């Protein structure tokens, strides 16, 4: 860390010179680490969690993870406030009725 010459508490940050592809950081079933030497970046991505059914989801979810019900082709997120899974995406071909609200014909 280099300190600013004006005696303030500024921090000088230098760009990466080289990133090793043999990253040995935290790896688990929920994250994937992507190292890109050309762009000089390290990115940690959350992997979607796929289950055969929404009934196989963990009892308590993680709000940072998207859960996928493979059988029904639906995506869910965990709501910390209500402690429930909320459907955020489904196969559009399963939609039977679209409620147009209070729109009136012309």
PDB file of N, CA and C in Angstrom:
ATOM      1  N   UNK A   1       0.846  -1.180   0.000  1.00  0.00           N
ATOM      2  CA  UNK A   1       0.000   0.000   0.000  1.00  0.00           C
ATOM      3  C   UNK A   1       0.891   1.242   0.000  1.00  0.00           C
ATOM      4  N   UNK A   2       0.672   2.126  -0.934  1.00  0.00           N
ATOM      5  CA  UNK A   2       1.399   3.390  -0.999  1.00  0.00           C
ATOM      6  C   UNK A   2       0.524   4.501  -0.435  1.00  0.00           C
ATOM      7  N   UNK A   3       1.120   5.384   0.320  1.00  0.00           N
ATOM      8  CA  UNK A   3       0.383   6.497   0.909  1.00  0.00           C
ATOM      9  C   UNK A   3       0.575   7.728   0.029  1.00  0.00           C
ATOM     10  N   UNK A   4      -0.453   8.534  -0.078  1.00  0.00           N
ATOM     11  CA  UNK A   4      -0.415   9.755  -0.884  1.00  0.00           C
ATOM     12  C   UNK A   4       0.686  10.690  -0.388  1.00  0.00           C
ATOM     13  N   UNK A   5       1.352  11.390  -1.307  1.00  0.00           N
ATOM     14  CA  UNK A   5       2.444  12.301  -0.941  1.00  0.00           C
ATOM     15  C   UNK A   5       1.952  13.560  -0.229  1.00  0.00           C
ATOM     16  N   UNK A   6       0.648  13.787  -0.244  1.00  0.00           N
ATOM     17  CA  UNK A   6       0.093  14.980   0.400  1.00  0.00           C
ATOM     18  C   UNK A   6      -0.262  14.713   1.866  1.00  0.00           C
ATOM     19  N   UNK A   7       0.232  13.629   2.430  1.00  0.00           N
ATOM     20  CA  UNK A   7      -0.011  13.255   3.823  1.00  0.00           C
ATOM     21  C   UNK A   7      -1.488  13.056   4.165  1.00  0.00           C
ATOM     22  N   UNK A   8      -2.275  12.640   3.202  1.00  0.00           N
ATOM     23  CA  UNK A   8      -3.666  12.298   3.504  1.00  0.00           C
ATOM     24  C   UNK A   8      -3.765  10.775   3.609  1.00  0.00           C
ATOM     25  N   UNK A   9      -4.938  10.282   3.806  1.00  0.00           N
ATOM     26  CA  UNK A   9      -5.103   8.843   3.977  1.00  0.00           C
ATOM     27  C   UNK A   9      -5.533   8.163   2.679  1.00  0.00           C
ATOM     28  N   UNK A  10      -5.157   8.739   1.543  1.00  0.00           N
ATOM     29  CA  UNK A  10      -5.470   8.143   0.248  1.00  0.00           C
ATOM     30  C   UNK A  10      -4.710   6.830   0.091  1.00  0.00           C
ATOM     31  N   UNK A  11      -5.261   5.926  -0.656  1.00  0.00           N
ATOM     32  CA  UNK A  11      -4.606   4.657  -0.928  1.00  0.00           C
ATOM     33  C   UNK A  11      -4.400   4.551  -2.428  1.00  0.00           C
ATOM     34  N   UNK A  12      -3.195   4.243  -2.844  1.00  0.00           N
ATOM     35  CA  UNK A  12      -2.874   4.070  -4.250  1.00  0.00           C
ATOM     36  C   UNK A  12      -3.031   2.590  -4.587  1.00  0.00           C
ATOM     37  N   UNK A  13      -3.845   2.286  -5.591  1.00  0.00           N
ATOM     38  CA  UNK A  13      -4.078   0.901  -5.992  1.00  0.00           C
ATOM     39  C   UNK A  13      -3.468   0.693  -7.364  1.00  0.00           C
ATOM     40  N   UNK A  14      -2.644  -0.335  -7.494  1.00  0.00           N
ATOM     41  CA  UNK A  14      -2.029  -0.646  -8.773  1.00  0.00           C
ATOM     42  C   UNK A  14      -2.803  -1.777  -9.436  1.00  0.00           C
ATOM     43  N   UNK A  15      -2.883  -1.773 -10.773  1.00  0.00           N
ATOM     44  CA  UNK A  15      -3.580  -2.865 -11.470  1.00  0.00           C
ATOM     45  C   UNK A  15      -2.791  -4.166 -11.359  1.00  0.00           C
ATOM     46  N   UNK A  16      -3.478  -5.284 -11.553  1.00  0.00           N
ATOM     47  CA  UNK A  16      -2.812  -6.586 -11.551  1.00  0.00           C
ATOM     48  C   UNK A  16      -1.791  -6.635 -12.674  1.00  0.00           C
ATOM     49  N   UNK A  17      -0.656  -7.184 -12.400  1.00  0.00           N
ATOM     50  CA  UNK A  17       0.334  -7.410 -13.455  1.00  0.00           C
ATOM     51  C   UNK A  17       0.138  -8.808 -14.036  1.00  0.00           C
ATOM     52  N   UNK A  18      -0.031  -9.782 -13.167  1.00  0.00           N
ATOM     53  CA  UNK A  18      -0.232 -11.163 -13.593  1.00  0.00           C
ATOM     54  C   UNK A  18      -1.142 -11.852 -12.586  1.00  0.00           C
ATOM     55  N   UNK A  19      -2.006 -12.678 -13.106  1.00  0.00           N
ATOM     56  CA  UNK A  19      -2.864 -13.489 -12.245  1.00  0.00           C
ATOM     57  C   UNK A  19      -2.557 -14.945 -12.581  1.00  0.00           C
ATOM     58  N   UNK A  20      -2.354 -15.728 -11.587  1.00  0.00           N
ATOM     59  CA  UNK A  20      -2.079 -17.135 -11.843  1.00  0.00           C
ATOM     60  C   UNK A  20      -3.376 -17.899 -12.072  1.00  0.00           C
ATOM     61  N   UNK A  21      -3.386 -18.792 -13.020  1.00  0.00           N
ATOM     62  CA  UNK A  21      -4.574 -19.614 -13.274  1.00  0.00           C
ATOM     63  C   UNK A  21      -4.714 -20.701 -12.221  1.00  0.00           C
ATOM     64  N   UNK A  22      -3.708 -20.910 -11.412  1.00  0.00           N
ATOM     65  CA  UNK A  22      -3.787 -21.915 -10.367  1.00  0.00           C
ATOM     66  C   UNK A  22      -4.295 -21.275  -9.079  1.00  0.00           C
ATOM     67  N   UNK A  23      -5.427 -20.620  -9.184  1.00  0.00           N
ATOM     68  CA  UNK A  23      -6.057 -19.979  -8.027  1.00  0.00           C
ATOM     69  C   UNK A  23      -6.437 -21.048  -7.013  1.00  0.00           C
ATOM     70  N   UNK A  24      -6.083 -20.849  -5.767  1.00  0.00           N
ATOM     71  CA  UNK A  24      -6.384 -21.848  -4.744  1.00  0.00           C
ATOM     72  C   UNK A  24      -7.282 -21.264  -3.665  1.00  0.00           C
ATOM     73  N   UNK A  25      -8.255 -20.493  -4.081  1.00  0.00           N
ATOM     74  CA  UNK A  25      -9.175 -19.879  -3.128  1.00  0.00           C
ATOM     75  C   UNK A  25     -10.297 -20.823  -2.749  1.00  0.00           C
ATOM     76  N   UNK A  26     -11.322 -20.278  -2.143  1.00  0.00           N
ATOM     77  CA  UNK A  26     -12.464 -21.043  -1.669  1.00  0.00           C
ATOM     78  C   UNK A  26     -13.285 -21.564  -2.839  1.00  0.00           C
ATOM     79  N   UNK A  27     -13.479 -22.853  -2.909  1.00  0.00           N
ATOM     80  CA  UNK A  27     -14.315 -23.481  -3.928  1.00  0.00           C
ATOM     81  C   UNK A  27     -15.363 -24.320  -3.212  1.00  0.00           C
ATOM     82  N   UNK A  28     -16.591 -24.241  -3.651  1.00  0.00           N
ATOM     83  CA  UNK A  28     -17.635 -25.088  -3.098  1.00  0.00           C
ATOM     84  C   UNK A  28     -18.711 -25.307  -4.153  1.00  0.00           C
ATOM     85  N   UNK A  29     -19.780 -25.994  -3.794  1.00  0.00           N
ATOM     86  CA  UNK A  29     -20.812 -26.312  -4.783  1.00  0.00           C
ATOM     87  C   UNK A  29     -21.625 -25.087  -5.191  1.00  0.00           C
ATOM     88  N   UNK A  30     -21.515 -23.981  -4.481  1.00  0.00           N
ATOM     89  CA  UNK A  30     -22.313 -22.800  -4.791  1.00  0.00           C
ATOM     90  C   UNK A  30     -21.560 -21.746  -5.591  1.00  0.00           C
ATOM     91  N   UNK A  31     -20.211 -21.838  -5.644  1.00  0.00           N
ATOM     92  CA  UNK A  31     -19.453 -20.805  -6.341  1.00  0.00           C
ATOM     93  C   UNK A  31     -18.493 -21.399  -7.358  1.00  0.00           C
ATOM     94  N   UNK A  32     -18.141 -20.591  -8.338  1.00  0.00           N
ATOM     95  CA  UNK A  32     -17.165 -20.952  -9.359  1.00  0.00           C
ATOM     96  C   UNK A  32     -16.237 -19.754  -9.521  1.00  0.00           C
ATOM     97  N   UNK A  33     -14.947 -19.985  -9.503  1.00  0.00           N
ATOM     98  CA  UNK A  33     -13.974 -18.909  -9.646  1.00  0.00           C
ATOM     99  C   UNK A  33     -13.441 -18.895 -11.074  1.00  0.00           C
ATOM    100  N   UNK A  34     -13.524 -17.734 -11.725  1.00  0.00           N
ATOM    101  CA  UNK A  34     -13.063 -17.592 -13.102  1.00  0.00           C
ATOM    102  C   UNK A  34     -11.913 -16.593 -13.117  1.00  0.00           C
ATOM    103  N   UNK A  35     -10.762 -17.042 -13.582  1.00  0.00           N
ATOM    104  CA  UNK A  35      -9.576 -16.185 -13.672  1.00  0.00           C
ATOM    105  C   UNK A  35      -9.349 -15.869 -15.144  1.00  0.00           C
ATOM    106  N   UNK A  36      -9.239 -14.591 -15.479  1.00  0.00           N
ATOM    107  CA  UNK A  36      -8.994 -14.152 -16.852  1.00  0.00           C
ATOM    108  C   UNK A  36      -7.737 -13.290 -16.863  1.00  0.00           C
ATOM    109  N   UNK A  37      -6.628 -13.861 -17.343  1.00  0.00           N
ATOM    110  CA  UNK A  37      -5.359 -13.133 -17.358  1.00  0.00           C
ATOM    111  C   UNK A  37      -5.371 -11.965 -18.331  1.00  0.00           C
ATOM    112  N   UNK A  38      -6.056 -12.114 -19.482  1.00  0.00           N
ATOM    113  CA  UNK A  38      -6.093 -11.020 -20.458  1.00  0.00           C
ATOM    114  C   UNK A  38      -6.784  -9.796 -19.879  1.00  0.00           C
ATOM    115  N   UNK A  39      -7.923 -10.007 -19.245  1.00  0.00           N
ATOM    116  CA  UNK A  39      -8.675  -8.890 -18.667  1.00  0.00           C
ATOM    117  C   UNK A  39      -8.172  -8.534 -17.270  1.00  0.00           C
ATOM    118  N   UNK A  40      -7.255  -9.335 -16.748  1.00  0.00           N
ATOM    119  CA  UNK A  40      -6.708  -9.130 -15.401  1.00  0.00           C
ATOM    120  C   UNK A  40      -7.799  -9.089 -14.342  1.00  0.00           C
ATOM    121  N   UNK A  41      -8.656 -10.097 -14.383  1.00  0.00           N
ATOM    122  CA  UNK A  41      -9.766 -10.142 -13.438  1.00  0.00           C
ATOM    123  C   UNK A  41      -9.873 -11.509 -12.776  1.00  0.00           C
ATOM    124  N   UNK A  42     -10.419 -11.498 -11.600  1.00  0.00           N
ATOM    125  CA  UNK A  42     -10.829 -12.713 -10.906  1.00  0.00           C
ATOM    126  C   UNK A  42     -12.299 -12.514 -10.587  1.00  0.00           C
ATOM    127  N   UNK A  43     -13.127 -13.431 -11.038  1.00  0.00           N
ATOM    128  CA  UNK A  43     -14.568 -13.306 -10.824  1.00  0.00           C
ATOM    129  C   UNK A  43     -15.070 -14.547 -10.099  1.00  0.00           C
ATOM    130  N   UNK A  44     -15.854 -14.325  -9.076  1.00  0.00           N
ATOM    131  CA  UNK A  44     -16.475 -15.428  -8.361  1.00  0.00           C
ATOM    132  C   UNK A  44     -17.955 -15.405  -8.724  1.00  0.00           C
ATOM    133  N   UNK A  45     -18.410 -16.484  -9.377  1.00  0.00           N
ATOM    134  CA  UNK A  45     -19.804 -16.568  -9.825  1.00  0.00           C
ATOM    135  C   UNK A  45     -20.556 -17.555  -8.955  1.00  0.00           C
ATOM    136  N   UNK A  46     -21.821 -17.247  -8.712  1.00  0.00           N
ATOM    137  CA  UNK A  46     -22.683 -18.202  -8.020  1.00  0.00           C
ATOM    138  C   UNK A  46     -23.241 -19.179  -9.041  1.00  0.00           C
ATOM    139  N   UNK A  47     -23.149 -20.461  -8.738  1.00  0.00           N
ATOM    140  CA  UNK A  47     -23.710 -21.474  -9.617  1.00  0.00           C
ATOM    141  C   UNK A  47     -25.195 -21.635  -9.292  1.00  0.00           C
ATOM    142  N   UNK A  48     -26.037 -21.761 -10.313  1.00  0.00           N
ATOM    143  CA  UNK A  48     -27.441 -22.055 -10.015  1.00  0.00           C
ATOM    144  C   UNK A  48     -27.535 -23.436  -9.355  1.00  0.00           C
ATOM    145  N   UNK A  49     -28.362 -23.549  -8.380  1.00  0.00           N
ATOM    146  CA  UNK A  49     -28.540 -24.818  -7.681  1.00  0.00           C
ATOM    147  C   UNK A  49     -29.720 -25.550  -8.316  1.00  0.00           C
ATOM    148  N   UNK A  50     -29.469 -26.691  -8.935  1.00  0.00           N
ATOM    149  CA  UNK A  50     -30.504 -27.439  -9.635  1.00  0.00           C
ATOM    150  C   UNK A  50     -30.944 -28.641  -8.816  1.00  0.00           C
ATOM    151  N   UNK A  51     -32.277 -28.800  -8.686  1.00  0.00           N
ATOM    152  CA  UNK A  51     -32.856 -29.901  -7.939  1.00  0.00           C
ATOM    153  C   UNK A  51     -33.933 -30.548  -8.789  1.00  0.00           C
ATOM    154  N   UNK A  52     -34.200 -31.824  -8.546  1.00  0.00           N
ATOM    155  CA  UNK A  52     -35.223 -32.553  -9.312  1.00  0.00           C
ATOM    156  C   UNK A  52     -36.626 -32.017  -9.055  1.00  0.00           C
ATOM    157  N   UNK A  53     -36.834 -31.370  -7.933  1.00  0.00           N
ATOM    158  CA  UNK A  53     -38.138 -30.813  -7.579  1.00  0.00           C
ATOM    159  C   UNK A  53     -37.935 -29.708  -6.545  1.00  0.00           C
ATOM    160  N   UNK A  54     -38.879 -28.778  -6.480  1.00  0.00           N
ATOM    161  CA  UNK A  54     -38.777 -27.722  -5.464  1.00  0.00           C
ATOM    162  C   UNK A  54     -38.881 -28.306  -4.063  1.00  0.00           C
ATOM    163  N   UNK A  55     -39.446 -29.485  -3.953  1.00  0.00           N
ATOM    164  CA  UNK A  55     -39.567 -30.136  -2.653  1.00  0.00           C
ATOM    165  C   UNK A  55     -38.227 -30.682  -2.163  1.00  0.00           C
ATOM    166  N   UNK A  56     -37.234 -30.702  -3.043  1.00  0.00           N
ATOM    167  CA  UNK A  56     -35.894 -31.151  -2.662  1.00  0.00           C
ATOM    168  C   UNK A  56     -34.990 -29.977  -2.264  1.00  0.00           C
ATOM    169  N   UNK A  57     -35.485 -28.734  -2.350  1.00  0.00           N
ATOM    170  CA  UNK A  57     -34.696 -27.566  -1.951  1.00  0.00           C
ATOM    171  C   UNK A  57     -34.352 -27.671  -0.464  1.00  0.00           C
ATOM    172  N   UNK A  58     -33.268 -27.025  -0.040  1.00  0.00           N
ATOM    173  CA  UNK A  58     -32.952 -27.010   1.404  1.00  0.00           C
ATOM    174  C   UNK A  58     -34.085 -26.349   2.194  1.00  0.00           C
ATOM    175  N   UNK A  59     -34.263 -26.764   3.436  1.00  0.00           N
ATOM    176  CA  UNK A  59     -35.315 -26.166   4.277  1.00  0.00           C
ATOM    177  C   UNK A  59     -35.118 -24.666   4.427  1.00  0.00           C
ATOM    178  N   UNK A  60     -33.867 -24.240   4.584  1.00  0.00           N
ATOM    179  CA  UNK A  60     -33.547 -22.814   4.672  1.00  0.00           C
ATOM    180  C   UNK A  60     -32.618 -22.494   3.513  1.00  0.00           C
ATOM    181  N   UNK A  61     -33.042 -21.551   2.676  1.00  0.00           N
ATOM    182  CA  UNK A  61     -32.268 -21.205   1.499  1.00  0.00           C
ATOM    183  C   UNK A  61     -31.254 -20.107   1.763  1.00  0.00           C
ATOM    184  N   UNK A  62     -30.623 -19.666   0.703  1.00  0.00           N
ATOM    185  CA  UNK A  62     -29.636 -18.588   0.742  1.00  0.00           C
ATOM    186  C   UNK A  62     -30.099 -17.534  -0.251  1.00  0.00           C
ATOM    187  N   UNK A  63     -30.262 -16.300   0.184  1.00  0.00           N
ATOM    188  CA  UNK A  63     -30.803 -15.247  -0.681  1.00  0.00           C
ATOM    189  C   UNK A  63     -29.880 -14.895  -1.845  1.00  0.00           C
ATOM    190  N   UNK A  64     -28.646 -15.353  -1.821  1.00  0.00           N
ATOM    191  CA  UNK A  64     -27.708 -15.063  -2.906  1.00  0.00           C
ATOM    192  C   UNK A  64     -27.724 -16.134  -4.000  1.00  0.00           C
ATOM    193  N   UNK A  65     -28.547 -17.169  -3.831  1.00  0.00           N
ATOM    194  CA  UNK A  65     -28.543 -18.295  -4.769  1.00  0.00           C
ATOM    195  C   UNK A  65     -29.894 -18.407  -5.465  1.00  0.00           C
ATOM    196  N   UNK A  66     -29.838 -18.726  -6.762  1.00  0.00           N
ATOM    197  CA  UNK A  66     -31.043 -19.032  -7.532  1.00  0.00           C
ATOM    198  C   UNK A  66     -31.217 -20.548  -7.504  1.00  0.00           C
ATOM    199  N   UNK A  67     -32.394 -21.010  -7.129  1.00  0.00           N
ATOM    200  CA  UNK A  67     -32.703 -22.432  -7.053  1.00  0.00           C
ATOM    201  C   UNK A  67     -33.569 -22.801  -8.253  1.00  0.00           C
ATOM    202  N   UNK A  68     -33.246 -23.919  -8.906  1.00  0.00           N
ATOM    203  CA  UNK A  68     -33.963 -24.331 -10.107  1.00  0.00           C
ATOM    204  C   UNK A  68     -34.623 -25.677  -9.883  1.00  0.00           C
ATOM    205  N   UNK A  69     -35.934 -25.716 -10.136  1.00  0.00           N
ATOM    206  CA  UNK A  69     -36.724 -26.943 -10.119  1.00  0.00           C
ATOM    207  C   UNK A  69     -36.669 -27.489 -11.547  1.00  0.00           C
ATOM    208  N   UNK A  70     -35.862 -28.531 -11.771  1.00  0.00           N
ATOM    209  CA  UNK A  70     -35.634 -29.061 -13.118  1.00  0.00           C
ATOM    210  C   UNK A  70     -36.907 -29.682 -13.688  1.00  0.00           C
ATOM    211  N   UNK A  71     -37.668 -30.392 -12.866  1.00  0.00           N
ATOM    212  CA  UNK A  71     -38.875 -31.080 -13.338  1.00  0.00           C
ATOM    213  C   UNK A  71     -39.918 -30.093 -13.880  1.00  0.00           C
ATOM    214  N   UNK A  72     -40.167 -29.014 -13.149  1.00  0.00           N
ATOM    215  CA  UNK A  72     -41.173 -28.027 -13.543  1.00  0.00           C
ATOM    216  C   UNK A  72     -40.595 -26.880 -14.365  1.00  0.00           C
ATOM    217  N   UNK A  73     -39.257 -26.843 -14.498  1.00  0.00           N
ATOM    218  CA  UNK A  73     -38.568 -25.774 -15.231  1.00  0.00           C
ATOM    219  C   UNK A  73     -38.926 -24.402 -14.648  1.00  0.00           C
ATOM    220  N   UNK A  74     -38.784 -24.290 -13.319  1.00  0.00           N
ATOM    221  CA  UNK A  74     -39.079 -23.044 -12.603  1.00  0.00           C
ATOM    222  C   UNK A  74     -37.864 -22.599 -11.796  1.00  0.00           C
ATOM    223  N   UNK A  75     -37.684 -21.289 -11.669  1.00  0.00           N
ATOM    224  CA  UNK A  75     -36.583 -20.711 -10.892  1.00  0.00           C
ATOM    225  C   UNK A  75     -37.145 -20.039  -9.653  1.00  0.00           C
ATOM    226  N   UNK A  76     -36.409 -20.157  -8.556  1.00  0.00           N
ATOM    227  CA  UNK A  76     -36.852 -19.600  -7.281  1.00  0.00           C
ATOM    228  C   UNK A  76     -35.712 -18.839  -6.612  1.00  0.00           C
ATOM    229  N   UNK A  77     -36.087 -17.885  -5.763  1.00  0.00           N
ATOM    230  CA  UNK A  77     -35.134 -17.207  -4.887  1.00  0.00           C
ATOM    231  C   UNK A  77     -35.636 -17.387  -3.461  1.00  0.00           C
ATOM    232  N   UNK A  78     -34.722 -17.291  -2.506  1.00  0.00           N
ATOM    233  CA  UNK A  78     -35.084 -17.410  -1.090  1.00  0.00           C
ATOM    234  C   UNK A  78     -35.375 -16.027  -0.542  1.00  0.00           C
ATOM    235  N   UNK A  79     -36.523 -15.855   0.112  1.00  0.00           N
ATOM    236  CA  UNK A  79     -36.902 -14.587   0.733  1.00  0.00           C
ATOM    237  C   UNK A  79     -36.594 -14.679   2.225  1.00  0.00           C
ATOM    238  N   UNK A  80     -35.608 -13.897   2.673  1.00  0.00           N
ATOM    239  CA  UNK A  80     -35.193 -13.922   4.081  1.00  0.00           C
ATOM    240  C   UNK A  80     -36.306 -13.459   5.019  1.00  0.00           C
ATOM    241  N   UNK A  81     -37.099 -12.503   4.576  1.00  0.00           N
ATOM    242  CA  UNK A  81     -38.144 -11.945   5.444  1.00  0.00           C
ATOM    243  C   UNK A  81     -39.258 -12.948   5.722  1.00  0.00           C
ATOM    244  N   UNK A  82     -39.741 -13.614   4.668  1.00  0.00           N
ATOM    245  CA  UNK A  82     -40.846 -14.555   4.835  1.00  0.00           C
ATOM    246  C   UNK A  82     -40.376 -15.988   5.071  1.00  0.00           C
ATOM    247  N   UNK A  83     -39.064 -16.219   4.894  1.00  0.00           N
ATOM    248  CA  UNK A  83     -38.482 -17.564   5.037  1.00  0.00           C
ATOM    249  C   UNK A  83     -39.153 -18.558   4.091  1.00  0.00           C
ATOM    250  N   UNK A  84     -39.389 -18.105   2.839  1.00  0.00           N
ATOM    251  CA  UNK A  84     -40.017 -18.951   1.828  1.00  0.00           C
ATOM    252  C   UNK A  84     -39.314 -18.776   0.488  1.00  0.00           C
ATOM    253  N   UNK A  85     -39.479 -19.775  -0.387  1.00  0.00           N
ATOM    254  CA  UNK A  85     -38.994 -19.665  -1.756  1.00  0.00           C
ATOM    255  C   UNK A  85     -40.049 -18.934  -2.585  1.00  0.00           C
ATOM    256  N   UNK A  86     -39.597 -18.019  -3.444  1.00  0.00           N
ATOM    257  CA  UNK A  86     -40.495 -17.237  -4.292  1.00  0.00           C
ATOM    258  C   UNK A  86     -40.162 -17.567  -5.740  1.00  0.00           C
ATOM    259  N   UNK A  87     -41.182 -17.962  -6.517  1.00  0.00           N
ATOM    260  CA  UNK A  87     -40.973 -18.286  -7.923  1.00  0.00           C
ATOM    261  C   UNK A  87     -40.678 -17.003  -8.692  1.00  0.00           C
ATOM    262  N   UNK A  88     -39.554 -16.985  -9.403  1.00  0.00           N
ATOM    263  CA  UNK A  88     -39.167 -15.795 -10.170  1.00  0.00           C
ATOM    264  C   UNK A  88     -39.137 -16.063 -11.668  1.00  0.00           C
ATOM    265  N   UNK A  89     -39.399 -17.298 -12.065  1.00  0.00           N
ATOM    266  CA  UNK A  89     -39.407 -17.606 -13.488  1.00  0.00           C
ATOM    267  C   UNK A  89     -39.975 -18.989 -13.733  1.00  0.00           C
ATOM    268  N   UNK A  90     -40.752 -19.091 -14.806  1.00  0.00           N
ATOM    269  CA  UNK A  90     -41.353 -20.373 -15.162  1.00  0.00           C
ATOM    270  C   UNK A  90     -41.410 -20.487 -16.681  1.00  0.00           C
ATOM    271  N   UNK A  91     -41.677 -21.675 -17.153  1.00  0.00           N
ATOM    272  CA  UNK A  91     -41.791 -21.920 -18.585  1.00  0.00           C
ATOM    273  C   UNK A  91     -43.013 -21.167 -19.119  1.00  0.00           C
ATOM    274  N   UNK A  92     -42.793 -20.242 -20.026  1.00  0.00           N
ATOM    275  CA  UNK A  92     -43.894 -19.400 -20.525  1.00  0.00           C
ATOM    276  C   UNK A  92     -44.965 -20.224 -21.252  1.00  0.00           C
ATOM    277  N   UNK A  93     -44.628 -21.414 -21.730  1.00  0.00           N
ATOM    278  CA  UNK A  93     -45.614 -22.243 -22.446  1.00  0.00           C
ATOM    279  C   UNK A  93     -46.650 -22.815 -21.499  1.00  0.00           C
ATOM    280  N   UNK A  94     -46.411 -22.743 -20.190  1.00  0.00           N
ATOM    281  CA  UNK A  94     -47.377 -23.252 -19.215  1.00  0.00           C
ATOM    282  C   UNK A  94     -48.409 -22.205 -18.818  1.00  0.00           C
ATOM    283  N   UNK A  95     -48.265 -20.976 -19.298  1.00  0.00           N
ATOM    284  CA  UNK A  95     -49.217 -19.908 -18.955  1.00  0.00           C
ATOM    285  C   UNK A  95     -50.535 -20.166 -19.681  1.00  0.00           C
ATOM    286  N   UNK A  96     -51.604 -20.226 -18.927  1.00  0.00           N
ATOM    287  CA  UNK A  96     -52.925 -20.480 -19.508  1.00  0.00           C
ATOM    288  C   UNK A  96     -53.720 -19.182 -19.690  1.00  0.00           C
ATOM    289  N   UNK A  97     -53.602 -18.261 -18.738  1.00  0.00           N
ATOM    290  CA  UNK A  97     -54.347 -17.003 -18.787  1.00  0.00           C
ATOM    291  C   UNK A  97     -53.405 -15.867 -18.393  1.00  0.00           C
ATOM    292  N   UNK A  98     -53.475 -14.762 -19.122  1.00  0.00           N
ATOM    293  CA  UNK A  98     -52.743 -13.561 -18.744  1.00  0.00           C
ATOM    294  C   UNK A  98     -53.790 -12.526 -18.368  1.00  0.00           C
ATOM    295  N   UNK A  99     -53.747 -12.086 -17.124  1.00  0.00           N
ATOM    296  CA  UNK A  99     -54.693 -11.087 -16.643  1.00  0.00           C
ATOM    297  C   UNK A  99     -54.193  -9.721 -17.102  1.00  0.00           C
ATOM    298  N   UNK A 100     -54.992  -9.061 -17.932  1.00  0.00           N
ATOM    299  CA  UNK A 100     -54.600  -7.767 -18.485  1.00  0.00           C
ATOM    300  C   UNK A 100     -54.909  -6.606 -17.564  1.00  0.00           C
ATOM    301  N   UNK A 101     -55.341  -6.876 -16.353  1.00  0.00           N
ATOM    302  CA  UNK A 101     -55.620  -5.798 -15.410  1.00  0.00           C
ATOM    303  C   UNK A 101     -56.938  -5.119 -15.713  1.00  0.00           C
ATOM    304  N   UNK A 102     -56.968  -3.796 -15.599  1.00  0.00           N
ATOM    305  CA  UNK A 102     -58.217  -3.064 -15.767  1.00  0.00           C
ATOM    306  C   UNK A 102     -58.310  -2.384 -17.128  1.00  0.00           C
ATOM    307  N   UNK A 103     -57.486  -2.806 -18.088  1.00  0.00           N
ATOM    308  CA  UNK A 103     -57.532  -2.209 -19.423  1.00  0.00           C
ATOM    309  C   UNK A 103     -58.888  -2.438 -20.074  1.00  0.00           C
ATOM    310  N   UNK A 104     -59.394  -1.429 -20.779  1.00  0.00           N
ATOM    311  CA  UNK A 104     -60.698  -1.540 -21.436  1.00  0.00           C
ATOM    312  C   UNK A 104     -60.506  -1.534 -22.945  1.00  0.00           C
ATOM    313  N   UNK A 105     -61.350  -2.274 -23.610  1.00  0.00           N
ATOM    314  CA  UNK A 105     -61.283  -2.300 -25.084  1.00  0.00           C
ATOM    315  C   UNK A 105     -61.739  -0.970 -25.639  1.00  0.00           C
ATOM    316  N   UNK A 106     -61.045  -0.516 -26.663  1.00  0.00           N
ATOM    317  CA  UNK A 106     -61.155   0.730 -27.284  1.00  0.00           C
ATOM    318  C   UNK A 106     -62.318   1.403 -27.645  1.00  0.00           C
TER     319      UNK A 106
END
